[in-house]
Amino acid sequence: MIVEVILDAIVFVVLGIVGLFPPLPVMRFDFLDDVIGVIGLADMFVSVHVVAVCFGIIMLVLNAHLIWSVIMWIARKIPGVN
């Protein structure tokens, strides 16, 4: 009960602060129809799934040094592992 009152007060304050900002302008996303159409046309020739997998592999290879550095940093944090 006390926690609920405290959280309600926090929500009231946060919503009051957010209410001070001007409203965002209405955004139109009509251009996405064209992008989806181009992806649909490209999907006729090359599978989008295959392109996504290839893109993932390329990103993995390009960031292999970073990934290895993070793995080694974590391994060094474990006592007794050289």
PDB file of N, CA and C in Angstrom:
ATOM      1  N   MET A   1       0.817  -1.183   0.000  1.00  0.00           N
ATOM      2  CA  MET A   1       0.000   0.000   0.000  1.00  0.00           C
ATOM      3  C   MET A   1       0.870   1.260   0.000  1.00  0.00           C
ATOM      4  N   ILE A   2       1.888   1.273   0.848  1.00  0.00           N
ATOM      5  CA  ILE A   2       2.780   2.429   0.904  1.00  0.00           C
ATOM      6  C   ILE A   2       3.586   2.526  -0.390  1.00  0.00           C
ATOM      7  N   VAL A   3       4.020   1.371  -0.895  1.00  0.00           N
ATOM      8  CA  VAL A   3       4.785   1.354  -2.151  1.00  0.00           C
ATOM      9  C   VAL A   3       3.930   1.877  -3.294  1.00  0.00           C
ATOM     10  N   GLU A   4       2.664   1.511  -3.303  1.00  0.00           N
ATOM     11  CA  GLU A   4       1.768   1.969  -4.361  1.00  0.00           C
ATOM     12  C   GLU A   4       1.599   3.485  -4.319  1.00  0.00           C
ATOM     13  N   VAL A   5       1.472   4.050  -3.137  1.00  0.00           N
ATOM     14  CA  VAL A   5       1.334   5.499  -2.999  1.00  0.00           C
ATOM     15  C   VAL A   5       2.602   6.203  -3.484  1.00  0.00           C
ATOM     16  N   ILE A   6       3.763   5.663  -3.110  1.00  0.00           N
ATOM     17  CA  ILE A   6       5.039   6.260  -3.535  1.00  0.00           C
ATOM     18  C   ILE A   6       5.177   6.193  -5.053  1.00  0.00           C
ATOM     19  N   LEU A   7       4.873   5.032  -5.652  1.00  0.00           N
ATOM     20  CA  LEU A   7       4.980   4.891  -7.107  1.00  0.00           C
ATOM     21  C   LEU A   7       3.971   5.777  -7.836  1.00  0.00           C
ATOM     22  N   ASP A   8       2.768   5.921  -7.291  1.00  0.00           N
ATOM     23  CA  ASP A   8       1.791   6.829  -7.902  1.00  0.00           C
ATOM     24  C   ASP A   8       2.296   8.267  -7.881  1.00  0.00           C
ATOM     25  N   ALA A   9       2.938   8.661  -6.795  1.00  0.00           N
ATOM     26  CA  ALA A   9       3.489  10.013  -6.702  1.00  0.00           C
ATOM     27  C   ALA A   9       4.608  10.214  -7.714  1.00  0.00           C
ATOM     28  N   ILE A  10       5.459   9.210  -7.869  1.00  0.00           N
ATOM     29  CA  ILE A  10       6.555   9.296  -8.846  1.00  0.00           C
ATOM     30  C   ILE A  10       5.993   9.404 -10.256  1.00  0.00           C
ATOM     31  N   VAL A  11       4.987   8.584 -10.573  1.00  0.00           N
ATOM     32  CA  VAL A  11       4.368   8.631 -11.894  1.00  0.00           C
ATOM     33  C   VAL A  11       3.731   9.992 -12.135  1.00  0.00           C
ATOM     34  N   PHE A  12       3.075  10.545 -11.125  1.00  0.00           N
ATOM     35  CA  PHE A  12       2.445  11.859 -11.253  1.00  0.00           C
ATOM     36  C   PHE A  12       3.485  12.938 -11.547  1.00  0.00           C
ATOM     37  N   VAL A  13       4.607  12.890 -10.847  1.00  0.00           N
ATOM     38  CA  VAL A  13       5.663  13.886 -11.063  1.00  0.00           C
ATOM     39  C   VAL A  13       6.270  13.736 -12.458  1.00  0.00           C
ATOM     40  N   VAL A  14       6.560  12.504 -12.865  1.00  0.00           N
ATOM     41  CA  VAL A  14       7.174  12.272 -14.177  1.00  0.00           C
ATOM     42  C   VAL A  14       6.227  12.697 -15.292  1.00  0.00           C
ATOM     43  N   LEU A  15       4.963  12.357 -15.189  1.00  0.00           N
ATOM     44  CA  LEU A  15       4.002  12.761 -16.211  1.00  0.00           C
ATOM     45  C   LEU A  15       3.825  14.277 -16.233  1.00  0.00           C
ATOM     46  N   GLY A  16       3.927  14.926 -15.083  1.00  0.00           N
ATOM     47  CA  GLY A  16       3.863  16.380 -15.044  1.00  0.00           C
ATOM     48  C   GLY A  16       5.043  17.021 -15.749  1.00  0.00           C
ATOM     49  N   ILE A  17       6.234  16.452 -15.558  1.00  0.00           N
ATOM     50  CA  ILE A  17       7.427  16.981 -16.232  1.00  0.00           C
ATOM     51  C   ILE A  17       7.333  16.745 -17.731  1.00  0.00           C
ATOM     52  N   VAL A  18       6.898  15.572 -18.135  1.00  0.00           N
ATOM     53  CA  VAL A  18       6.764  15.268 -19.558  1.00  0.00           C
ATOM     54  C   VAL A  18       5.702  16.161 -20.193  1.00  0.00           C
ATOM     55  N   GLY A  19       4.662  16.501 -19.447  1.00  0.00           N
ATOM     56  CA  GLY A  19       3.600  17.362 -19.968  1.00  0.00           C
ATOM     57  C   GLY A  19       4.070  18.781 -20.252  1.00  0.00           C
ATOM     58  N   LEU A  20       5.205  19.187 -19.678  1.00  0.00           N
ATOM     59  CA  LEU A  20       5.729  20.525 -19.923  1.00  0.00           C
ATOM     60  C   LEU A  20       6.344  20.664 -21.311  1.00  0.00           C
ATOM     61  N   PHE A  21       6.772  19.564 -21.893  1.00  0.00           N
ATOM     62  CA  PHE A  21       7.382  19.607 -23.222  1.00  0.00           C
ATOM     63  C   PHE A  21       6.304  19.790 -24.285  1.00  0.00           C
ATOM     64  N   PRO A  22       6.642  20.472 -25.378  1.00  0.00           N
ATOM     65  CA  PRO A  22       5.642  20.639 -26.445  1.00  0.00           C
ATOM     66  C   PRO A  22       5.385  19.303 -27.143  1.00  0.00           C
ATOM     67  N   PRO A  23       4.210  19.155 -27.714  1.00  0.00           N
ATOM     68  CA  PRO A  23       3.914  17.884 -28.393  1.00  0.00           C
ATOM     69  C   PRO A  23       4.777  17.728 -29.648  1.00  0.00           C
ATOM     70  N   LEU A  24       5.084  16.487 -29.963  1.00  0.00           N
ATOM     71  CA  LEU A  24       5.867  16.195 -31.159  1.00  0.00           C
ATOM     72  C   LEU A  24       5.006  16.369 -32.403  1.00  0.00           C
ATOM     73  N   PRO A  25       5.610  16.808 -33.504  1.00  0.00           N
ATOM     74  CA  PRO A  25       4.822  16.945 -34.735  1.00  0.00           C
ATOM     75  C   PRO A  25       4.419  15.562 -35.265  1.00  0.00           C
ATOM     76  N   VAL A  26       3.348  15.543 -36.017  1.00  0.00           N
ATOM     77  CA  VAL A  26       2.863  14.292 -36.600  1.00  0.00           C
ATOM     78  C   VAL A  26       3.849  13.856 -37.677  1.00  0.00           C
ATOM     79  N   MET A  27       4.290  12.613 -37.568  1.00  0.00           N
ATOM     80  CA  MET A  27       5.262  12.098 -38.536  1.00  0.00           C
ATOM     81  C   MET A  27       4.549  11.177 -39.512  1.00  0.00           C
ATOM     82  N   ARG A  28       4.891  11.310 -40.770  1.00  0.00           N
ATOM     83  CA  ARG A  28       4.304  10.466 -41.805  1.00  0.00           C
ATOM     84  C   ARG A  28       5.350   9.462 -42.272  1.00  0.00           C
ATOM     85  N   PHE A  29       4.940   8.242 -42.428  1.00  0.00           N
ATOM     86  CA  PHE A  29       5.839   7.168 -42.833  1.00  0.00           C
ATOM     87  C   PHE A  29       5.436   6.593 -44.187  1.00  0.00           C
ATOM     88  N   ASP A  30       4.992   7.441 -45.099  1.00  0.00           N
ATOM     89  CA  ASP A  30       4.582   6.982 -46.421  1.00  0.00           C
ATOM     90  C   ASP A  30       5.756   6.433 -47.224  1.00  0.00           C
ATOM     91  N   PHE A  31       6.963   6.924 -46.949  1.00  0.00           N
ATOM     92  CA  PHE A  31       8.130   6.475 -47.703  1.00  0.00           C
ATOM     93  C   PHE A  31       8.433   5.002 -47.452  1.00  0.00           C
ATOM     94  N   LEU A  32       7.959   4.456 -46.334  1.00  0.00           N
ATOM     95  CA  LEU A  32       8.218   3.051 -46.046  1.00  0.00           C
ATOM     96  C   LEU A  32       7.534   2.128 -47.049  1.00  0.00           C
ATOM     97  N   ASP A  33       6.439   2.568 -47.643  1.00  0.00           N
ATOM     98  CA  ASP A  33       5.768   1.757 -48.656  1.00  0.00           C
ATOM     99  C   ASP A  33       6.698   1.525 -49.851  1.00  0.00           C
ATOM    100  N   ASP A  34       7.412   2.569 -50.250  1.00  0.00           N
ATOM    101  CA  ASP A  34       8.356   2.433 -51.361  1.00  0.00           C
ATOM    102  C   ASP A  34       9.521   1.520 -50.993  1.00  0.00           C
ATOM    103  N   VAL A  35      10.022   1.655 -49.766  1.00  0.00           N
ATOM    104  CA  VAL A  35      11.142   0.816 -49.317  1.00  0.00           C
ATOM    105  C   VAL A  35      10.713  -0.647 -49.281  1.00  0.00           C
ATOM    106  N   ILE A  36       9.527  -0.907 -48.767  1.00  0.00           N
ATOM    107  CA  ILE A  36       9.024  -2.283 -48.711  1.00  0.00           C
ATOM    108  C   ILE A  36       8.818  -2.830 -50.114  1.00  0.00           C
ATOM    109  N   GLY A  37       8.381  -1.977 -51.046  1.00  0.00           N
ATOM    110  CA  GLY A  37       8.224  -2.409 -52.439  1.00  0.00           C
ATOM    111  C   GLY A  37       9.547  -2.784 -53.068  1.00  0.00           C
ATOM    112  N   VAL A  38      10.593  -1.993 -52.808  1.00  0.00           N
ATOM    113  CA  VAL A  38      11.914  -2.300 -53.356  1.00  0.00           C
ATOM    114  C   VAL A  38      12.441  -3.604 -52.759  1.00  0.00           C
ATOM    115  N   ILE A  39      12.247  -3.810 -51.465  1.00  0.00           N
ATOM    116  CA  ILE A  39      12.690  -5.057 -50.835  1.00  0.00           C
ATOM    117  C   ILE A  39      11.922  -6.240 -51.413  1.00  0.00           C
ATOM    118  N   GLY A  40      10.634  -6.051 -51.694  1.00  0.00           N
ATOM    119  CA  GLY A  40       9.836  -7.112 -52.310  1.00  0.00           C
ATOM    120  C   GLY A  40      10.332  -7.461 -53.703  1.00  0.00           C
ATOM    121  N   LEU A  41      10.706  -6.433 -54.487  1.00  0.00           N
ATOM    122  CA  LEU A  41      11.264  -6.697 -55.818  1.00  0.00           C
ATOM    123  C   LEU A  41      12.609  -7.406 -55.722  1.00  0.00           C
ATOM    124  N   ALA A  42      13.444  -6.986 -54.773  1.00  0.00           N
ATOM    125  CA  ALA A  42      14.749  -7.627 -54.603  1.00  0.00           C
ATOM    126  C   ALA A  42      14.578  -9.072 -54.133  1.00  0.00           C
ATOM    127  N   ASP A  43      13.511  -9.340 -53.387  1.00  0.00           N
ATOM    128  CA  ASP A  43      13.268 -10.692 -52.888  1.00  0.00           C
ATOM    129  C   ASP A  43      12.937 -11.659 -54.014  1.00  0.00           C
ATOM    130  N   MET A  44      12.502 -11.151 -55.156  1.00  0.00           N
ATOM    131  CA  MET A  44      12.241 -12.024 -56.304  1.00  0.00           C
ATOM    132  C   MET A  44      13.534 -12.624 -56.848  1.00  0.00           C
ATOM    133  N   PHE A  45      14.627 -11.893 -56.721  1.00  0.00           N
ATOM    134  CA  PHE A  45      15.900 -12.346 -57.283  1.00  0.00           C
ATOM    135  C   PHE A  45      16.793 -13.012 -56.247  1.00  0.00           C
ATOM    136  N   VAL A  46      16.863 -12.441 -55.054  1.00  0.00           N
ATOM    137  CA  VAL A  46      17.700 -12.978 -53.979  1.00  0.00           C
ATOM    138  C   VAL A  46      16.859 -12.996 -52.716  1.00  0.00           C
ATOM    139  N   SER A  47      16.903 -14.101 -52.007  1.00  0.00           N
ATOM    140  CA  SER A  47      16.119 -14.223 -50.781  1.00  0.00           C
ATOM    141  C   SER A  47      16.618 -13.231 -49.735  1.00  0.00           C
ATOM    142  N   VAL A  48      15.684 -12.519 -49.130  1.00  0.00           N
ATOM    143  CA  VAL A  48      16.048 -11.554 -48.101  1.00  0.00           C
ATOM    144  C   VAL A  48      16.645 -12.277 -46.901  1.00  0.00           C
ATOM    145  N   HIS A  49      16.196 -13.488 -46.627  1.00  0.00           N
ATOM    146  CA  HIS A  49      16.751 -14.278 -45.522  1.00  0.00           C
ATOM    147  C   HIS A  49      18.232 -14.554 -45.766  1.00  0.00           C
ATOM    148  N   VAL A  50      18.589 -14.914 -46.983  1.00  0.00           N
ATOM    149  CA  VAL A  50      19.989 -15.188 -47.310  1.00  0.00           C
ATOM    150  C   VAL A  50      20.825 -13.916 -47.175  1.00  0.00           C
ATOM    151  N   VAL A  51      20.303 -12.793 -47.623  1.00  0.00           N
ATOM    152  CA  VAL A  51      21.024 -11.524 -47.504  1.00  0.00           C
ATOM    153  C   VAL A  51      21.216 -11.166 -46.032  1.00  0.00           C
ATOM    154  N   ALA A  52      20.212 -11.387 -45.209  1.00  0.00           N
ATOM    155  CA  ALA A  52      20.324 -11.086 -43.779  1.00  0.00           C
ATOM    156  C   ALA A  52      21.375 -11.968 -43.115  1.00  0.00           C
ATOM    157  N   VAL A  53      21.409 -13.256 -43.471  1.00  0.00           N
ATOM    158  CA  VAL A  53      22.419 -14.157 -42.898  1.00  0.00           C
ATOM    159  C   VAL A  53      23.809 -13.734 -43.350  1.00  0.00           C
ATOM    160  N   CYS A  54      23.965 -13.407 -44.618  1.00  0.00           N
ATOM    161  CA  CYS A  54      25.272 -12.953 -45.125  1.00  0.00           C
ATOM    162  C   CYS A  54      25.705 -11.668 -44.434  1.00  0.00           C
ATOM    163  N   PHE A  55      24.778 -10.744 -44.231  1.00  0.00           N
ATOM    164  CA  PHE A  55      25.097  -9.501 -43.538  1.00  0.00           C
ATOM    165  C   PHE A  55      25.536  -9.782 -42.100  1.00  0.00           C
ATOM    166  N   GLY A  56      24.864 -10.699 -41.435  1.00  0.00           N
ATOM    167  CA  GLY A  56      25.253 -11.080 -40.077  1.00  0.00           C
ATOM    168  C   GLY A  56      26.639 -11.683 -40.025  1.00  0.00           C
ATOM    169  N   ILE A  57      26.960 -12.549 -40.992  1.00  0.00           N
ATOM    170  CA  ILE A  57      28.291 -13.160 -41.036  1.00  0.00           C
ATOM    171  C   ILE A  57      29.352 -12.104 -41.308  1.00  0.00           C
ATOM    172  N   ILE A  58      29.073 -11.175 -42.206  1.00  0.00           N
ATOM    173  CA  ILE A  58      30.026 -10.099 -42.506  1.00  0.00           C
ATOM    174  C   ILE A  58      30.280  -9.262 -41.254  1.00  0.00           C
ATOM    175  N   MET A  59      29.235  -8.912 -40.526  1.00  0.00           N
ATOM    176  CA  MET A  59      29.404  -8.119 -39.309  1.00  0.00           C
ATOM    177  C   MET A  59      30.189  -8.901 -38.259  1.00  0.00           C
ATOM    178  N   LEU A  60      29.956 -10.208 -38.174  1.00  0.00           N
ATOM    179  CA  LEU A  60      30.694 -11.043 -37.228  1.00  0.00           C
ATOM    180  C   LEU A  60      32.172 -11.073 -37.568  1.00  0.00           C
ATOM    181  N   VAL A  61      32.496 -11.227 -38.840  1.00  0.00           N
ATOM    182  CA  VAL A  61      33.896 -11.282 -39.257  1.00  0.00           C
ATOM    183  C   VAL A  61      34.578  -9.934 -39.039  1.00  0.00           C
ATOM    184  N   LEU A  62      33.890  -8.849 -39.382  1.00  0.00           N
ATOM    185  CA  LEU A  62      34.487  -7.521 -39.228  1.00  0.00           C
ATOM    186  C   LEU A  62      34.691  -7.151 -37.755  1.00  0.00           C
ATOM    187  N   ASN A  63      33.881  -7.706 -36.869  1.00  0.00           N
ATOM    188  CA  ASN A  63      33.982  -7.381 -35.453  1.00  0.00           C
ATOM    189  C   ASN A  63      34.576  -8.527 -34.633  1.00  0.00           C
ATOM    190  N   ALA A  64      35.274  -9.448 -35.291  1.00  0.00           N
ATOM    191  CA  ALA A  64      35.826 -10.608 -34.595  1.00  0.00           C
ATOM    192  C   ALA A  64      36.831 -10.188 -33.528  1.00  0.00           C
ATOM    193  N   HIS A  65      37.654  -9.185 -33.806  1.00  0.00           N
ATOM    194  CA  HIS A  65      38.651  -8.744 -32.830  1.00  0.00           C
ATOM    195  C   HIS A  65      37.959  -8.188 -31.577  1.00  0.00           C
ATOM    196  N   LEU A  66      36.913  -7.405 -31.772  1.00  0.00           N
ATOM    197  CA  LEU A  66      36.176  -6.862 -30.634  1.00  0.00           C
ATOM    198  C   LEU A  66      35.523  -7.971 -29.821  1.00  0.00           C
ATOM    199  N   ILE A  67      34.906  -8.917 -30.509  1.00  0.00           N
ATOM    200  CA  ILE A  67      34.246 -10.023 -29.820  1.00  0.00           C
ATOM    201  C   ILE A  67      35.264 -10.829 -29.031  1.00  0.00           C
ATOM    202  N   TRP A  68      36.425 -11.110 -29.642  1.00  0.00           N
ATOM    203  CA  TRP A  68      37.464 -11.867 -28.951  1.00  0.00           C
ATOM    204  C   TRP A  68      37.998 -11.085 -27.746  1.00  0.00           C
ATOM    205  N   SER A  69      38.133  -9.779 -27.874  1.00  0.00           N
ATOM    206  CA  SER A  69      38.611  -8.949 -26.770  1.00  0.00           C
ATOM    207  C   SER A  69      37.631  -8.988 -25.593  1.00  0.00           C
ATOM    208  N   VAL A  70      36.338  -8.950 -25.881  1.00  0.00           N
ATOM    209  CA  VAL A  70      35.329  -9.011 -24.823  1.00  0.00           C
ATOM    210  C   VAL A  70      35.364 -10.378 -24.143  1.00  0.00           C
ATOM    211  N   ILE A  71      35.495 -11.448 -24.926  1.00  0.00           N
ATOM    212  CA  ILE A  71      35.558 -12.793 -24.346  1.00  0.00           C
ATOM    213  C   ILE A  71      36.780 -12.921 -23.450  1.00  0.00           C
ATOM    214  N   MET A  72      37.928 -12.438 -23.902  1.00  0.00           N
ATOM    215  CA  MET A  72      39.148 -12.533 -23.102  1.00  0.00           C
ATOM    216  C   MET A  72      39.057 -11.655 -21.854  1.00  0.00           C
ATOM    217  N   TRP A  73      38.404 -10.504 -21.940  1.00  0.00           N
ATOM    218  CA  TRP A  73      38.245  -9.639 -20.777  1.00  0.00           C
ATOM    219  C   TRP A  73      37.409 -10.346 -19.715  1.00  0.00           C
ATOM    220  N   ILE A  74      36.338 -11.026 -20.158  1.00  0.00           N
ATOM    221  CA  ILE A  74      35.495 -11.771 -19.224  1.00  0.00           C
ATOM    222  C   ILE A  74      36.268 -12.946 -18.633  1.00  0.00           C
ATOM    223  N   ALA A  75      37.055 -13.634 -19.466  1.00  0.00           N
ATOM    224  CA  ALA A  75      37.828 -14.778 -18.978  1.00  0.00           C
ATOM    225  C   ALA A  75      38.873 -14.345 -17.962  1.00  0.00           C
ATOM    226  N   ARG A  76      39.454 -13.167 -18.133  1.00  0.00           N
ATOM    227  CA  ARG A  76      40.462 -12.679 -17.179  1.00  0.00           C
ATOM    228  C   ARG A  76      39.838 -12.299 -15.847  1.00  0.00           C
ATOM    229  N   LYS A  77      38.572 -12.026 -15.828  1.00  0.00           N
ATOM    230  CA  LYS A  77      37.882 -11.672 -14.573  1.00  0.00           C
ATOM    231  C   LYS A  77      37.649 -12.902 -13.691  1.00  0.00           C
ATOM    232  N   ILE A  78      37.725 -14.097 -14.270  1.00  0.00           N
ATOM    233  CA  ILE A  78      37.511 -15.332 -13.521  1.00  0.00           C
ATOM    234  C   ILE A  78      38.831 -15.704 -12.862  1.00  0.00           C
ATOM    235  N   PRO A  79      38.859 -15.838 -11.550  1.00  0.00           N
ATOM    236  CA  PRO A  79      40.110 -16.193 -10.876  1.00  0.00           C
ATOM    237  C   PRO A  79      40.554 -17.611 -11.253  1.00  0.00           C
ATOM    238  N   GLY A  80      41.836 -17.762 -11.468  1.00  0.00           N
ATOM    239  CA  GLY A  80      42.409 -19.070 -11.781  1.00  0.00           C
ATOM    240  C   GLY A  80      42.450 -19.406 -13.249  1.00  0.00           C
ATOM    241  N   VAL A  81      41.901 -18.556 -14.115  1.00  0.00           N
ATOM    242  CA  VAL A  81      41.940 -18.788 -15.559  1.00  0.00           C
ATOM    243  C   VAL A  81      43.030 -17.916 -16.143  1.00  0.00           C
ATOM    244  N   ASN A  82      43.965 -18.531 -16.866  1.00  0.00           N
ATOM    245  CA  ASN A  82      45.066 -17.764 -17.449  1.00  0.00           C
ATOM    246  C   ASN A  82      44.735 -17.345 -18.858  1.00  0.00           C
TER     247      ASN A  82
END
